[in-house]
């Protein structure tokens, strides 16, 4: 399983094998205040392709949990870099950035935190316990080339109990093209 950093603790954070510069201090753990993150720059060489306007990832609430899974299918004939930026709801600060290379004609599932197989198999998750008390939106990016613009994206929200071993419900998340409005669907 691949992991990416969710906390901005130093002058750089490594996402899989790519390091991104940061200018921030660690995340605030006080849930009544906005997180103290600074935005992480876009992944070098990638451009945003899709937006998911809402996700949530919880496991600190008594009795119920949730996590978000975003699958990216590379439809091209070449390997493409892809990333998911999970951001906090009311701002543009990253809670977690996951970056991977996807082989041609294959899919990778990015998760806000690890679910338990076979609930939903995650190929890449946020570091450590993942996002455990976060609601926000996400951006999906891929390598800035014509071939790598040919990706499909699908997002699901899972509501679980019993340490993610029982699925209470699922929701298909809205996926829109970057900087294009949806049709209310």
C-alpha atoms as a PDB file:
ATOM      1  CA  UNK A   1       0.000   0.000   0.000  1.00  0.00           C
ATOM      2  CA  UNK A   2       1.290   3.489  -0.846  1.00  0.00           C
ATOM      3  CA  UNK A   3       1.005   6.300   1.671  1.00  0.00           C
ATOM      4  CA  UNK A   4       1.107  10.075   1.510  1.00  0.00           C
ATOM      5  CA  UNK A   5       1.618  12.684   4.167  1.00  0.00           C
ATOM      6  CA  UNK A   6      -1.440  14.184   5.909  1.00  0.00           C
ATOM      7  CA  UNK A   7       0.397  16.442   8.364  1.00  0.00           C
ATOM      8  CA  UNK A   8       2.606  19.339   7.380  1.00  0.00           C
ATOM      9  CA  UNK A   9       5.321  19.049   9.992  1.00  0.00           C
ATOM     10  CA  UNK A  10       8.529  20.201   8.347  1.00  0.00           C
ATOM     11  CA  UNK A  11       9.913  22.263   5.523  1.00  0.00           C
ATOM     12  CA  UNK A  12       9.014  19.504   3.065  1.00  0.00           C
ATOM     13  CA  UNK A  13       6.708  16.556   2.936  1.00  0.00           C
ATOM     14  CA  UNK A  14       7.179  13.476   0.804  1.00  0.00           C
ATOM     15  CA  UNK A  15       4.266  12.164  -1.189  1.00  0.00           C
ATOM     16  CA  UNK A  16       5.134   8.626  -2.222  1.00  0.00           C
ATOM     17  CA  UNK A  17       8.529   9.399  -3.814  1.00  0.00           C
ATOM     18  CA  UNK A  18       7.994  13.066  -4.663  1.00  0.00           C
ATOM     19  CA  UNK A  19       8.792  15.847  -2.214  1.00  0.00           C
ATOM     20  CA  UNK A  20       6.795  19.061  -2.191  1.00  0.00           C
ATOM     21  CA  UNK A  21       7.992  22.255  -0.476  1.00  0.00           C
ATOM     22  CA  UNK A  22       5.893  23.570   2.389  1.00  0.00           C
ATOM     23  CA  UNK A  23       5.730  26.830   4.256  1.00  0.00           C
ATOM     24  CA  UNK A  24       3.546  25.748   7.129  1.00  0.00           C
ATOM     25  CA  UNK A  25       3.491  24.415  10.637  1.00  0.00           C
ATOM     26  CA  UNK A  26       1.710  21.263  11.859  1.00  0.00           C
ATOM     27  CA  UNK A  27      -2.058  20.835  11.686  1.00  0.00           C
ATOM     28  CA  UNK A  28      -4.188  22.112  14.511  1.00  0.00           C
ATOM     29  CA  UNK A  29      -5.886  19.359  16.460  1.00  0.00           C
ATOM     30  CA  UNK A  30      -8.580  21.643  17.873  1.00  0.00           C
ATOM     31  CA  UNK A  31     -11.701  20.685  15.930  1.00  0.00           C
ATOM     32  CA  UNK A  32     -13.437  23.976  16.802  1.00  0.00           C
ATOM     33  CA  UNK A  33     -10.919  26.051  14.877  1.00  0.00           C
ATOM     34  CA  UNK A  34      -9.833  26.043  11.268  1.00  0.00           C
ATOM     35  CA  UNK A  35      -6.768  23.854  10.609  1.00  0.00           C
ATOM     36  CA  UNK A  36      -3.411  25.635  10.618  1.00  0.00           C
ATOM     37  CA  UNK A  37      -2.172  24.312   7.260  1.00  0.00           C
ATOM     38  CA  UNK A  38      -0.704  26.278   4.394  1.00  0.00           C
ATOM     39  CA  UNK A  39      -1.543  25.184   0.882  1.00  0.00           C
ATOM     40  CA  UNK A  40       0.801  22.701  -0.709  1.00  0.00           C
ATOM     41  CA  UNK A  41       1.754  23.651  -4.233  1.00  0.00           C
ATOM     42  CA  UNK A  42       0.188  21.677  -7.049  1.00  0.00           C
ATOM     43  CA  UNK A  43       2.053  18.495  -7.872  1.00  0.00           C
ATOM     44  CA  UNK A  44       4.796  19.541 -10.324  1.00  0.00           C
ATOM     45  CA  UNK A  45       4.079  18.480 -13.896  1.00  0.00           C
ATOM     46  CA  UNK A  46       0.391  17.758 -13.216  1.00  0.00           C
ATOM     47  CA  UNK A  47      -2.789  19.715 -13.878  1.00  0.00           C
ATOM     48  CA  UNK A  48      -6.166  19.479 -12.173  1.00  0.00           C
ATOM     49  CA  UNK A  49      -8.667  17.479 -14.230  1.00  0.00           C
ATOM     50  CA  UNK A  50     -11.637  16.834 -11.898  1.00  0.00           C
ATOM     51  CA  UNK A  51     -13.219  18.071  -8.688  1.00  0.00           C
ATOM     52  CA  UNK A  52     -15.206  16.225  -6.038  1.00  0.00           C
ATOM     53  CA  UNK A  53     -17.131  18.962  -4.183  1.00  0.00           C
ATOM     54  CA  UNK A  54     -17.725  16.904  -1.023  1.00  0.00           C
ATOM     55  CA  UNK A  55     -15.965  14.123   0.854  1.00  0.00           C
ATOM     56  CA  UNK A  56     -15.808  13.088   4.492  1.00  0.00           C
ATOM     57  CA  UNK A  57     -13.527  10.786   6.445  1.00  0.00           C
ATOM     58  CA  UNK A  58     -14.328  10.060  10.089  1.00  0.00           C
ATOM     59  CA  UNK A  59     -13.385   7.454  12.636  1.00  0.00           C
ATOM     60  CA  UNK A  60     -13.340   9.461  15.845  1.00  0.00           C
ATOM     61  CA  UNK A  61     -17.111   9.470  16.295  1.00  0.00           C
ATOM     62  CA  UNK A  62     -18.612   6.843  18.549  1.00  0.00           C
ATOM     63  CA  UNK A  63     -20.302   4.011  16.663  1.00  0.00           C
ATOM     64  CA  UNK A  64     -19.915   5.131  13.070  1.00  0.00           C
ATOM     65  CA  UNK A  65     -17.094   5.809  10.669  1.00  0.00           C
ATOM     66  CA  UNK A  66     -16.711   6.940   7.081  1.00  0.00           C
ATOM     67  CA  UNK A  67     -14.044   7.104   4.406  1.00  0.00           C
ATOM     68  CA  UNK A  68     -13.847   8.236   0.812  1.00  0.00           C
ATOM     69  CA  UNK A  69     -12.470   6.196  -2.094  1.00  0.00           C
ATOM     70  CA  UNK A  70     -11.602   7.819  -5.421  1.00  0.00           C
ATOM     71  CA  UNK A  71     -10.719   5.540  -8.334  1.00  0.00           C
ATOM     72  CA  UNK A  72      -8.699   6.916 -11.246  1.00  0.00           C
ATOM     73  CA  UNK A  73      -8.540   4.872 -14.459  1.00  0.00           C
ATOM     74  CA  UNK A  74      -5.732   5.647 -16.887  1.00  0.00           C
ATOM     75  CA  UNK A  75      -7.252   5.205 -20.356  1.00  0.00           C
ATOM     76  CA  UNK A  76      -4.053   6.126 -22.169  1.00  0.00           C
ATOM     77  CA  UNK A  77      -1.422   3.856 -23.683  1.00  0.00           C
ATOM     78  CA  UNK A  78       1.329   5.331 -21.488  1.00  0.00           C
ATOM     79  CA  UNK A  79       1.945   5.464 -17.742  1.00  0.00           C
ATOM     80  CA  UNK A  80       0.611   8.674 -16.180  1.00  0.00           C
ATOM     81  CA  UNK A  81       1.188  10.360 -12.864  1.00  0.00           C
ATOM     82  CA  UNK A  82      -2.008  11.025 -10.938  1.00  0.00           C
ATOM     83  CA  UNK A  83      -2.748  12.695  -7.634  1.00  0.00           C
ATOM     84  CA  UNK A  84      -5.639  13.353  -5.297  1.00  0.00           C
ATOM     85  CA  UNK A  85      -5.597  16.440  -3.085  1.00  0.00           C
ATOM     86  CA  UNK A  86      -8.017  16.118  -0.173  1.00  0.00           C
ATOM     87  CA  UNK A  87      -8.685  19.676   1.039  1.00  0.00           C
ATOM     88  CA  UNK A  88     -10.461  21.088   4.068  1.00  0.00           C
ATOM     89  CA  UNK A  89     -14.047  22.211   3.454  1.00  0.00           C
ATOM     90  CA  UNK A  90     -13.919  25.953   3.896  1.00  0.00           C
ATOM     91  CA  UNK A  91     -10.520  26.701   2.382  1.00  0.00           C
ATOM     92  CA  UNK A  92      -7.919  25.570  -0.130  1.00  0.00           C
ATOM     93  CA  UNK A  93      -5.504  23.970   2.324  1.00  0.00           C
ATOM     94  CA  UNK A  94      -4.528  20.361   1.734  1.00  0.00           C
ATOM     95  CA  UNK A  95      -5.316  17.790   4.376  1.00  0.00           C
ATOM     96  CA  UNK A  96      -3.517  15.099   2.359  1.00  0.00           C
ATOM     97  CA  UNK A  97      -1.926  14.765  -1.076  1.00  0.00           C
ATOM     98  CA  UNK A  98      -1.437  11.327  -2.615  1.00  0.00           C
ATOM     99  CA  UNK A  99       0.598  10.917  -5.818  1.00  0.00           C
ATOM    100  CA  UNK A 100       1.176   7.706  -7.778  1.00  0.00           C
ATOM    101  CA  UNK A 101       2.059   6.544 -11.274  1.00  0.00           C
ATOM    102  CA  UNK A 102      -0.716   4.581 -12.975  1.00  0.00           C
ATOM    103  CA  UNK A 103       0.243   2.089 -15.696  1.00  0.00           C
ATOM    104  CA  UNK A 104      -1.650   2.248 -19.006  1.00  0.00           C
ATOM    105  CA  UNK A 105      -5.207   0.879 -18.963  1.00  0.00           C
ATOM    106  CA  UNK A 106      -5.118   0.330 -15.195  1.00  0.00           C
ATOM    107  CA  UNK A 107      -6.861   1.933 -12.220  1.00  0.00           C
ATOM    108  CA  UNK A 108      -5.694   2.985  -8.757  1.00  0.00           C
ATOM    109  CA  UNK A 109      -8.008   3.693  -5.825  1.00  0.00           C
ATOM    110  CA  UNK A 110      -7.009   6.564  -3.536  1.00  0.00           C
ATOM    111  CA  UNK A 111      -8.563   6.565  -0.049  1.00  0.00           C
ATOM    112  CA  UNK A 112      -8.841   9.211   2.641  1.00  0.00           C
ATOM    113  CA  UNK A 113      -7.978   6.462   5.134  1.00  0.00           C
ATOM    114  CA  UNK A 114      -7.608   2.715   4.843  1.00  0.00           C
ATOM    115  CA  UNK A 115     -10.809   0.717   4.657  1.00  0.00           C
ATOM    116  CA  UNK A 116     -10.705  -2.964   5.424  1.00  0.00           C
ATOM    117  CA  UNK A 117     -10.737  -5.349   2.481  1.00  0.00           C
ATOM    118  CA  UNK A 118     -13.099  -6.492   1.104  1.00  0.00           C
ATOM    119  CA  UNK A 119     -15.149  -3.416   2.059  1.00  0.00           C
ATOM    120  CA  UNK A 120     -13.281  -1.346  -0.501  1.00  0.00           C
ATOM    121  CA  UNK A 121      -9.704  -2.116  -1.524  1.00  0.00           C
ATOM    122  CA  UNK A 122      -7.500   0.971  -1.338  1.00  0.00           C
ATOM    123  CA  UNK A 123      -4.264   1.088  -3.343  1.00  0.00           C
ATOM    124  CA  UNK A 124      -3.022   4.389  -1.915  1.00  0.00           C
ATOM    125  CA  UNK A 125      -4.040   6.106   1.321  1.00  0.00           C
ATOM    126  CA  UNK A 126      -3.155   9.110   3.397  1.00  0.00           C
ATOM    127  CA  UNK A 127      -0.294   8.434   5.815  1.00  0.00           C
ATOM    128  CA  UNK A 128      -0.733   6.747   9.174  1.00  0.00           C
ATOM    129  CA  UNK A 129      -4.354   6.486  10.256  1.00  0.00           C
ATOM    130  CA  UNK A 130      -5.365   8.643   7.298  1.00  0.00           C
ATOM    131  CA  UNK A 131      -7.881  11.470   7.567  1.00  0.00           C
ATOM    132  CA  UNK A 132      -9.782  10.689  10.756  1.00  0.00           C
ATOM    133  CA  UNK A 133     -11.921  13.793  11.327  1.00  0.00           C
ATOM    134  CA  UNK A 134     -12.023  15.696   8.038  1.00  0.00           C
ATOM    135  CA  UNK A 135     -14.716  16.967   5.700  1.00  0.00           C
ATOM    136  CA  UNK A 136     -13.946  18.886   2.534  1.00  0.00           C
ATOM    137  CA  UNK A 137     -13.484  18.643  -1.225  1.00  0.00           C
ATOM    138  CA  UNK A 138     -10.918  16.978  -3.484  1.00  0.00           C
ATOM    139  CA  UNK A 139      -9.027  17.717  -6.684  1.00  0.00           C
ATOM    140  CA  UNK A 140      -7.849  14.995  -9.036  1.00  0.00           C
ATOM    141  CA  UNK A 141      -4.862  15.772 -11.258  1.00  0.00           C
ATOM    142  CA  UNK A 142      -2.784  13.935 -13.850  1.00  0.00           C
ATOM    143  CA  UNK A 143       0.377  14.478 -15.853  1.00  0.00           C
ATOM    144  CA  UNK A 144       0.174  17.565 -18.059  1.00  0.00           C
ATOM    145  CA  UNK A 145       0.099  15.830 -21.461  1.00  0.00           C
ATOM    146  CA  UNK A 146      -2.619  15.099 -24.014  1.00  0.00           C
ATOM    147  CA  UNK A 147      -2.379  11.338 -23.400  1.00  0.00           C
ATOM    148  CA  UNK A 148      -2.675  11.705 -19.624  1.00  0.00           C
ATOM    149  CA  UNK A 149      -5.775  13.889 -19.883  1.00  0.00           C
ATOM    150  CA  UNK A 150      -7.556  10.647 -20.814  1.00  0.00           C
ATOM    151  CA  UNK A 151      -8.535   9.519 -17.311  1.00  0.00           C
ATOM    152  CA  UNK A 152     -11.825   8.447 -15.745  1.00  0.00           C
ATOM    153  CA  UNK A 153     -12.680   9.265 -12.126  1.00  0.00           C
ATOM    154  CA  UNK A 154     -15.225   7.708  -9.781  1.00  0.00           C
ATOM    155  CA  UNK A 155     -15.785   8.533  -6.123  1.00  0.00           C
ATOM    156  CA  UNK A 156     -17.601   6.722  -3.313  1.00  0.00           C
ATOM    157  CA  UNK A 157     -18.298   7.559   0.302  1.00  0.00           C
ATOM    158  CA  UNK A 158     -18.576   4.588   2.666  1.00  0.00           C
ATOM    159  CA  UNK A 159     -20.374   4.704   6.021  1.00  0.00           C
ATOM    160  CA  UNK A 160     -19.174   1.837   8.226  1.00  0.00           C
ATOM    161  CA  UNK A 161     -19.224   0.412  11.747  1.00  0.00           C
ATOM    162  CA  UNK A 162     -17.228  -2.191  13.683  1.00  0.00           C
ATOM    163  CA  UNK A 163     -13.805  -0.878  12.629  1.00  0.00           C
ATOM    164  CA  UNK A 164     -14.922  -0.585   9.000  1.00  0.00           C
ATOM    165  CA  UNK A 165     -15.891  -4.266   8.714  1.00  0.00           C
ATOM    166  CA  UNK A 166     -19.641  -3.574   8.278  1.00  0.00           C
ATOM    167  CA  UNK A 167     -20.873  -1.196   5.574  1.00  0.00           C
ATOM    168  CA  UNK A 168     -23.945   0.755   6.704  1.00  0.00           C
ATOM    169  CA  UNK A 169     -24.307   2.621   3.436  1.00  0.00           C
ATOM    170  CA  UNK A 170     -22.558   4.035   0.405  1.00  0.00           C
ATOM    171  CA  UNK A 171     -22.956   7.178  -1.642  1.00  0.00           C
ATOM    172  CA  UNK A 172     -21.720   7.896  -5.141  1.00  0.00           C
ATOM    173  CA  UNK A 173     -19.933  11.232  -5.076  1.00  0.00           C
ATOM    174  CA  UNK A 174     -20.371  13.957  -7.673  1.00  0.00           C
ATOM    175  CA  UNK A 175     -17.371  14.272  -9.986  1.00  0.00           C
ATOM    176  CA  UNK A 176     -17.110  17.371 -12.167  1.00  0.00           C
ATOM    177  CA  UNK A 177     -14.573  18.554 -14.721  1.00  0.00           C
ATOM    178  CA  UNK A 178     -12.171  21.064 -13.179  1.00  0.00           C
ATOM    179  CA  UNK A 179     -13.447  24.642 -13.483  1.00  0.00           C
ATOM    180  CA  UNK A 180     -16.712  23.519 -15.073  1.00  0.00           C
ATOM    181  CA  UNK A 181     -20.022  23.553 -13.204  1.00  0.00           C
ATOM    182  CA  UNK A 182     -22.090  20.435 -12.862  1.00  0.00           C
ATOM    183  CA  UNK A 183     -25.673  20.170 -14.092  1.00  0.00           C
ATOM    184  CA  UNK A 184     -27.121  19.702 -10.628  1.00  0.00           C
ATOM    185  CA  UNK A 185     -26.580  15.954 -10.854  1.00  0.00           C
END
